[in-house]
């Protein structure tokens, strides 16, 4: 069984549409378009599971780059996270914002000899 990842889908495409597209190449066991939980709108990608490996690979080769509803879809075999190629961290380092050094506070010594004395207020004469 091969799991196929489909990206750049139109937001109006449903799981049934994906299933009918891929059944031309063989038996589809599962079709799923990913939706956002809060907005209930499509995220623009989905997954297909096909039983036969040869049929799945022929579907990938035939449908990759095909234009569906005005968008060219990207079709490839879905890999588990541990087998995916590592992303380079160079882009993150280039765009990382560096904070300037904080300004040093100048602390002056307090004059200990001068002290403010609080005196009681005078009563007003009537």
N, C-alpha and C. Protein backbone atom coordinates (compact mmCIF):
# COMPACT_ATOMS: atom_id res chain seq x y z
N UNK A 1 0.84 -1.17 0.00
CA UNK A 1 0.00 0.00 0.00
C UNK A 1 0.89 1.24 0.00
N UNK A 2 0.54 2.17 -0.87
CA UNK A 2 1.29 3.43 -0.98
C UNK A 2 0.38 4.59 -0.61
N UNK A 3 0.91 5.49 0.20
CA UNK A 3 0.21 6.70 0.59
C UNK A 3 0.72 7.82 -0.30
N UNK A 4 -0.20 8.53 -0.96
CA UNK A 4 0.15 9.58 -1.92
C UNK A 4 -0.27 10.93 -1.35
N UNK A 5 0.62 11.91 -1.45
CA UNK A 5 0.36 13.28 -0.99
C UNK A 5 0.05 14.15 -2.19
N UNK A 6 -1.04 14.90 -2.12
CA UNK A 6 -1.44 15.81 -3.20
C UNK A 6 -1.49 17.22 -2.64
N UNK A 7 -0.71 18.13 -3.23
CA UNK A 7 -0.65 19.52 -2.75
C UNK A 7 -1.16 20.47 -3.82
N UNK A 8 -1.42 21.71 -3.42
CA UNK A 8 -1.88 22.79 -4.29
C UNK A 8 -3.26 22.49 -4.88
N UNK A 9 -4.12 21.89 -4.07
CA UNK A 9 -5.48 21.61 -4.50
C UNK A 9 -6.33 22.87 -4.43
N UNK A 10 -7.34 22.94 -5.29
CA UNK A 10 -8.32 24.00 -5.21
C UNK A 10 -9.12 23.80 -3.92
N UNK A 11 -9.55 24.89 -3.30
CA UNK A 11 -10.22 24.78 -2.02
C UNK A 11 -11.63 24.19 -2.12
N UNK A 12 -12.16 24.07 -3.34
CA UNK A 12 -13.49 23.51 -3.53
C UNK A 12 -13.48 22.01 -3.78
N UNK A 13 -12.30 21.40 -3.92
CA UNK A 13 -12.21 19.96 -4.20
C UNK A 13 -12.50 19.17 -2.94
N UNK A 14 -13.29 18.11 -3.09
CA UNK A 14 -13.65 17.26 -1.96
C UNK A 14 -12.91 15.93 -2.06
N UNK A 15 -13.06 15.11 -1.03
CA UNK A 15 -12.44 13.79 -1.01
C UNK A 15 -12.99 12.90 -2.12
N UNK A 16 -14.27 13.04 -2.42
CA UNK A 16 -14.88 12.25 -3.49
C UNK A 16 -14.29 12.62 -4.85
N UNK A 17 -14.01 13.90 -5.07
CA UNK A 17 -13.39 14.34 -6.32
C UNK A 17 -12.01 13.72 -6.48
N UNK A 18 -11.24 13.69 -5.39
CA UNK A 18 -9.91 13.06 -5.44
C UNK A 18 -10.02 11.58 -5.74
N UNK A 19 -10.97 10.94 -5.10
CA UNK A 19 -11.13 9.49 -5.29
C UNK A 19 -11.48 9.16 -6.74
N UNK A 20 -12.39 9.93 -7.35
CA UNK A 20 -12.75 9.66 -8.74
C UNK A 20 -11.60 9.94 -9.69
N UNK A 21 -10.77 10.92 -9.37
CA UNK A 21 -9.60 11.23 -10.21
C UNK A 21 -8.60 10.09 -10.18
N UNK A 22 -8.37 9.51 -9.01
CA UNK A 22 -7.35 8.47 -8.87
C UNK A 22 -7.87 7.07 -9.21
N UNK A 23 -9.18 6.85 -9.24
CA UNK A 23 -9.69 5.52 -9.58
C UNK A 23 -9.47 5.20 -11.05
N UNK A 24 -9.13 6.18 -11.87
CA UNK A 24 -8.80 5.91 -13.27
C UNK A 24 -7.56 5.05 -13.39
N UNK A 25 -6.70 5.09 -12.37
CA UNK A 25 -5.43 4.37 -12.41
C UNK A 25 -5.44 3.08 -11.61
N UNK A 26 -6.44 2.88 -10.77
CA UNK A 26 -6.52 1.66 -9.97
C UNK A 26 -7.43 1.84 -8.77
N UNK A 27 -7.42 0.84 -7.91
CA UNK A 27 -8.31 0.84 -6.75
C UNK A 27 -7.77 1.78 -5.66
N UNK A 28 -8.65 2.66 -5.20
CA UNK A 28 -8.32 3.61 -4.14
C UNK A 28 -8.97 3.12 -2.85
N UNK A 29 -8.16 2.89 -1.81
CA UNK A 29 -8.72 2.42 -0.55
C UNK A 29 -9.18 3.56 0.34
N UNK A 30 -8.53 4.73 0.24
CA UNK A 30 -8.90 5.86 1.09
C UNK A 30 -8.53 7.16 0.39
N UNK A 31 -9.41 8.16 0.48
CA UNK A 31 -9.14 9.50 -0.05
C UNK A 31 -9.54 10.50 1.02
N UNK A 32 -8.66 11.48 1.25
CA UNK A 32 -8.90 12.42 2.35
C UNK A 32 -8.34 13.79 2.00
N UNK A 33 -9.20 14.81 2.04
CA UNK A 33 -8.78 16.20 1.91
C UNK A 33 -8.70 16.77 3.32
N UNK A 34 -7.63 17.48 3.65
CA UNK A 34 -7.41 18.02 4.99
C UNK A 34 -8.12 19.36 5.12
N UNK A 35 -8.93 19.48 6.19
CA UNK A 35 -9.68 20.70 6.47
C UNK A 35 -9.19 21.33 7.76
N UNK A 36 -9.33 22.67 7.84
CA UNK A 36 -9.00 23.41 9.05
C UNK A 36 -10.11 23.19 10.08
N UNK A 37 -9.76 22.92 11.31
CA UNK A 37 -10.75 22.63 12.34
C UNK A 37 -11.63 23.83 12.68
N UNK A 38 -11.04 25.00 12.74
CA UNK A 38 -11.80 26.18 13.15
C UNK A 38 -12.69 26.71 12.03
N UNK A 39 -12.13 26.88 10.84
CA UNK A 39 -12.88 27.51 9.75
C UNK A 39 -13.63 26.50 8.89
N UNK A 40 -13.31 25.22 9.02
CA UNK A 40 -13.94 24.15 8.22
C UNK A 40 -13.69 24.33 6.73
N UNK A 41 -12.60 25.00 6.35
CA UNK A 41 -12.24 25.17 4.95
C UNK A 41 -11.05 24.27 4.63
N UNK A 42 -10.93 23.91 3.37
CA UNK A 42 -9.84 23.05 2.92
C UNK A 42 -8.50 23.77 3.09
N UNK A 43 -7.48 23.01 3.46
CA UNK A 43 -6.14 23.58 3.58
C UNK A 43 -5.38 23.53 2.26
N UNK A 44 -5.95 22.85 1.25
CA UNK A 44 -5.31 22.82 -0.06
C UNK A 44 -4.44 21.61 -0.30
N UNK A 45 -4.53 20.60 0.55
CA UNK A 45 -3.79 19.36 0.30
C UNK A 45 -4.58 18.17 0.82
N UNK A 46 -4.18 16.99 0.36
CA UNK A 46 -4.89 15.78 0.77
C UNK A 46 -4.03 14.55 0.57
N UNK A 47 -4.60 13.38 0.90
CA UNK A 47 -3.89 12.11 0.82
C UNK A 47 -4.77 11.07 0.14
N UNK A 48 -4.12 10.15 -0.57
CA UNK A 48 -4.78 9.02 -1.22
C UNK A 48 -4.00 7.77 -0.84
N UNK A 49 -4.70 6.69 -0.54
CA UNK A 49 -4.07 5.40 -0.31
C UNK A 49 -4.49 4.44 -1.41
N UNK A 50 -3.49 3.84 -2.07
CA UNK A 50 -3.76 2.87 -3.13
C UNK A 50 -3.11 1.55 -2.76
N UNK A 51 -3.82 0.46 -3.05
CA UNK A 51 -3.34 -0.88 -2.69
C UNK A 51 -2.17 -1.33 -3.55
N UNK A 52 -2.27 -1.15 -4.85
CA UNK A 52 -1.26 -1.66 -5.78
C UNK A 52 -0.17 -0.60 -5.96
N UNK A 53 1.08 -1.00 -5.75
CA UNK A 53 2.21 -0.07 -5.85
C UNK A 53 2.42 0.43 -7.28
N UNK A 54 2.29 -0.46 -8.27
CA UNK A 54 2.52 -0.06 -9.66
C UNK A 54 1.46 0.94 -10.12
N UNK A 55 0.21 0.71 -9.75
CA UNK A 55 -0.86 1.63 -10.12
C UNK A 55 -0.65 2.98 -9.45
N UNK A 56 -0.21 2.97 -8.22
CA UNK A 56 0.03 4.23 -7.49
C UNK A 56 1.15 5.03 -8.14
N UNK A 57 2.22 4.35 -8.52
CA UNK A 57 3.35 5.06 -9.15
C UNK A 57 2.97 5.60 -10.53
N UNK A 58 2.14 4.87 -11.26
CA UNK A 58 1.70 5.37 -12.57
C UNK A 58 0.76 6.57 -12.38
N UNK A 59 -0.06 6.57 -11.33
CA UNK A 59 -0.94 7.71 -11.04
C UNK A 59 -0.11 8.93 -10.67
N UNK A 60 0.94 8.74 -9.88
CA UNK A 60 1.82 9.85 -9.49
C UNK A 60 2.47 10.45 -10.73
N UNK A 61 2.98 9.60 -11.61
CA UNK A 61 3.67 10.08 -12.81
C UNK A 61 2.70 10.81 -13.74
N UNK A 62 1.47 10.31 -13.85
CA UNK A 62 0.52 10.91 -14.79
C UNK A 62 -0.10 12.19 -14.26
N UNK A 63 -0.38 12.28 -12.96
CA UNK A 63 -1.12 13.41 -12.41
C UNK A 63 -0.25 14.54 -11.87
N UNK A 64 1.04 14.30 -11.68
CA UNK A 64 1.92 15.35 -11.16
C UNK A 64 2.03 16.48 -12.19
N UNK A 65 1.64 17.68 -11.80
CA UNK A 65 1.69 18.84 -12.69
C UNK A 65 0.43 19.04 -13.50
N UNK A 66 -0.57 18.17 -13.35
CA UNK A 66 -1.83 18.30 -14.07
C UNK A 66 -2.63 19.47 -13.51
N UNK A 67 -3.28 20.22 -14.40
CA UNK A 67 -4.06 21.37 -13.96
C UNK A 67 -5.49 20.93 -13.69
N UNK A 68 -5.95 21.13 -12.45
CA UNK A 68 -7.32 20.81 -12.05
C UNK A 68 -7.93 22.06 -11.46
N UNK A 69 -9.01 22.51 -12.06
CA UNK A 69 -9.74 23.72 -11.65
C UNK A 69 -8.82 24.93 -11.54
N UNK A 70 -7.93 25.07 -12.51
CA UNK A 70 -7.07 26.25 -12.59
C UNK A 70 -5.80 26.18 -11.75
N UNK A 71 -5.51 25.04 -11.13
CA UNK A 71 -4.29 24.92 -10.32
C UNK A 71 -3.52 23.67 -10.72
N UNK A 72 -2.21 23.79 -10.83
CA UNK A 72 -1.37 22.64 -11.12
C UNK A 72 -1.08 21.92 -9.82
N UNK A 73 -1.53 20.67 -9.72
CA UNK A 73 -1.37 19.93 -8.48
C UNK A 73 0.01 19.29 -8.41
N UNK A 74 0.49 19.13 -7.22
CA UNK A 74 1.78 18.49 -6.95
C UNK A 74 1.48 17.14 -6.31
N UNK A 75 1.84 16.05 -6.99
CA UNK A 75 1.54 14.71 -6.52
C UNK A 75 2.85 13.98 -6.28
N UNK A 76 3.01 13.43 -5.07
CA UNK A 76 4.21 12.65 -4.76
C UNK A 76 3.89 11.65 -3.66
N UNK A 77 4.80 10.71 -3.49
CA UNK A 77 4.61 9.69 -2.46
C UNK A 77 4.82 10.31 -1.08
N UNK A 78 3.88 10.04 -0.19
CA UNK A 78 3.98 10.59 1.17
C UNK A 78 4.96 9.74 1.96
N UNK A 79 5.91 10.40 2.61
CA UNK A 79 6.91 9.71 3.41
C UNK A 79 6.66 9.99 4.89
N UNK A 80 6.94 9.02 5.76
CA UNK A 80 6.84 9.29 7.20
C UNK A 80 7.83 10.37 7.60
N UNK A 81 7.57 11.04 8.72
CA UNK A 81 8.41 12.16 9.15
C UNK A 81 9.88 11.77 9.33
N UNK A 82 10.13 10.57 9.82
CA UNK A 82 11.53 10.19 10.06
C UNK A 82 12.29 9.94 8.76
N UNK A 83 11.61 9.71 7.63
CA UNK A 83 12.28 9.46 6.36
C UNK A 83 12.33 10.68 5.45
N UNK A 84 11.74 11.79 5.86
CA UNK A 84 11.76 13.00 5.04
C UNK A 84 13.15 13.62 5.04
N UNK A 85 13.51 14.28 3.94
CA UNK A 85 14.81 14.96 3.94
C UNK A 85 14.78 16.13 4.92
N UNK A 86 15.89 16.33 5.58
CA UNK A 86 15.98 17.40 6.59
C UNK A 86 15.97 18.76 5.91
N UNK A 87 15.26 19.70 6.52
CA UNK A 87 15.23 21.06 6.00
C UNK A 87 16.50 21.77 6.42
N UNK A 88 17.00 22.62 5.54
CA UNK A 88 18.21 23.35 5.90
C UNK A 88 17.84 24.51 6.81
N UNK A 89 18.66 24.75 7.81
CA UNK A 89 18.42 25.83 8.77
C UNK A 89 19.04 27.15 8.31
N UNK A 90 19.65 27.15 7.11
CA UNK A 90 20.30 28.37 6.63
C UNK A 90 19.30 29.50 6.44
N UNK A 91 18.10 29.19 5.94
CA UNK A 91 17.10 30.24 5.73
C UNK A 91 16.66 30.85 7.04
N UNK A 92 16.54 30.02 8.07
CA UNK A 92 16.11 30.53 9.36
C UNK A 92 17.17 31.46 9.95
N UNK A 93 18.43 31.12 9.76
CA UNK A 93 19.49 31.93 10.31
C UNK A 93 19.58 33.28 9.60
N UNK A 94 19.32 33.29 8.27
CA UNK A 94 19.42 34.53 7.51
C UNK A 94 18.33 35.52 7.91
N UNK A 95 17.13 35.01 8.14
CA UNK A 95 16.01 35.89 8.43
C UNK A 95 15.84 36.16 9.92
N UNK A 96 16.68 35.58 10.74
CA UNK A 96 16.52 35.75 12.17
C UNK A 96 16.86 37.19 12.57
N UNK A 97 16.01 37.77 13.37
CA UNK A 97 16.20 39.15 13.82
C UNK A 97 17.10 39.15 15.04
N UNK A 98 18.13 39.96 14.99
CA UNK A 98 19.04 40.05 16.12
C UNK A 98 18.70 41.30 16.92
N UNK A 99 18.55 41.14 18.20
CA UNK A 99 18.23 42.27 19.06
C UNK A 99 19.48 43.06 19.38
N UNK A 100 19.36 44.38 19.44
CA UNK A 100 20.52 45.18 19.83
C UNK A 100 20.81 44.99 21.32
N UNK A 101 22.03 45.29 21.67
CA UNK A 101 22.40 45.16 23.08
C UNK A 101 21.60 46.16 23.91
N UNK A 102 21.18 45.76 25.09
CA UNK A 102 20.42 46.70 25.92
C UNK A 102 21.32 47.82 26.41
N UNK A 103 20.73 48.99 26.60
CA UNK A 103 21.50 50.13 27.09
C UNK A 103 21.87 49.91 28.54
N UNK A 104 23.06 50.36 28.87
CA UNK A 104 23.50 50.23 30.25
C UNK A 104 22.96 51.40 31.05
N UNK A 105 22.43 51.12 32.20
CA UNK A 105 21.89 52.16 33.06
C UNK A 105 23.00 52.77 33.89
N UNK A 106 22.97 54.08 33.98
CA UNK A 106 23.96 54.78 34.79
C UNK A 106 23.38 54.94 36.19
N UNK A 107 24.08 54.38 37.15
CA UNK A 107 23.62 54.46 38.53
C UNK A 107 24.52 55.44 39.27
N UNK A 108 23.90 56.45 39.85
CA UNK A 108 24.67 57.44 40.60
C UNK A 108 24.55 57.12 42.08
N UNK A 109 25.62 57.33 42.76
CA UNK A 109 25.60 57.09 44.21
C UNK A 109 24.74 58.15 44.88
N UNK A 110 23.89 57.72 45.76
CA UNK A 110 23.03 58.65 46.49
C UNK A 110 23.85 59.33 47.58
N UNK A 111 23.57 60.59 47.78
CA UNK A 111 24.26 61.33 48.82
C UNK A 111 23.60 60.99 50.15
N UNK A 112 24.32 60.29 50.99
CA UNK A 112 23.76 59.77 52.23
C UNK A 112 23.57 60.87 53.27
N UNK A 113 24.37 61.91 53.23
CA UNK A 113 24.30 62.94 54.25
C UNK A 113 23.02 63.77 54.14
N UNK A 114 22.54 64.00 52.97
CA UNK A 114 21.32 64.78 52.82
C UNK A 114 20.13 63.83 52.89
N UNK A 115 19.29 64.14 53.82
CA UNK A 115 18.13 63.32 54.01
C UNK A 115 16.92 64.20 54.18
N UNK A 116 15.88 63.87 53.58
CA UNK A 116 14.67 64.66 53.67
C UNK A 116 13.95 64.30 54.96
N UNK A 117 13.60 65.30 55.69
CA UNK A 117 12.93 65.07 56.96
C UNK A 117 11.47 65.43 56.80
N UNK A 118 10.63 64.55 57.19
CA UNK A 118 9.20 64.81 57.11
C UNK A 118 8.75 65.42 58.43
N UNK A 119 8.10 66.58 58.33
CA UNK A 119 7.63 67.26 59.51
C UNK A 119 6.11 67.28 59.48
N UNK A 120 5.50 67.33 60.65
CA UNK A 120 4.05 67.39 60.66
C UNK A 120 3.56 68.73 60.13
N UNK A 121 2.37 68.73 59.53
CA UNK A 121 1.82 69.96 58.98
C UNK A 121 1.33 70.88 60.09
N UNK A 122 1.41 72.16 59.84
CA UNK A 122 0.93 73.14 60.81
C UNK A 122 -0.59 73.25 60.70
N UNK A 123 -1.19 73.49 61.79
CA UNK A 123 -2.63 73.68 61.77
C UNK A 123 -2.93 75.09 61.31
N UNK A 124 -4.00 75.19 60.55
CA UNK A 124 -4.40 76.50 60.05
C UNK A 124 -5.03 77.32 61.16
N UNK A 125 -4.71 78.61 61.17
CA UNK A 125 -5.30 79.53 62.15
C UNK A 125 -6.62 80.03 61.59
N UNK A 126 -7.60 80.01 62.41
CA UNK A 126 -8.91 80.49 61.97
C UNK A 126 -9.21 81.85 62.45
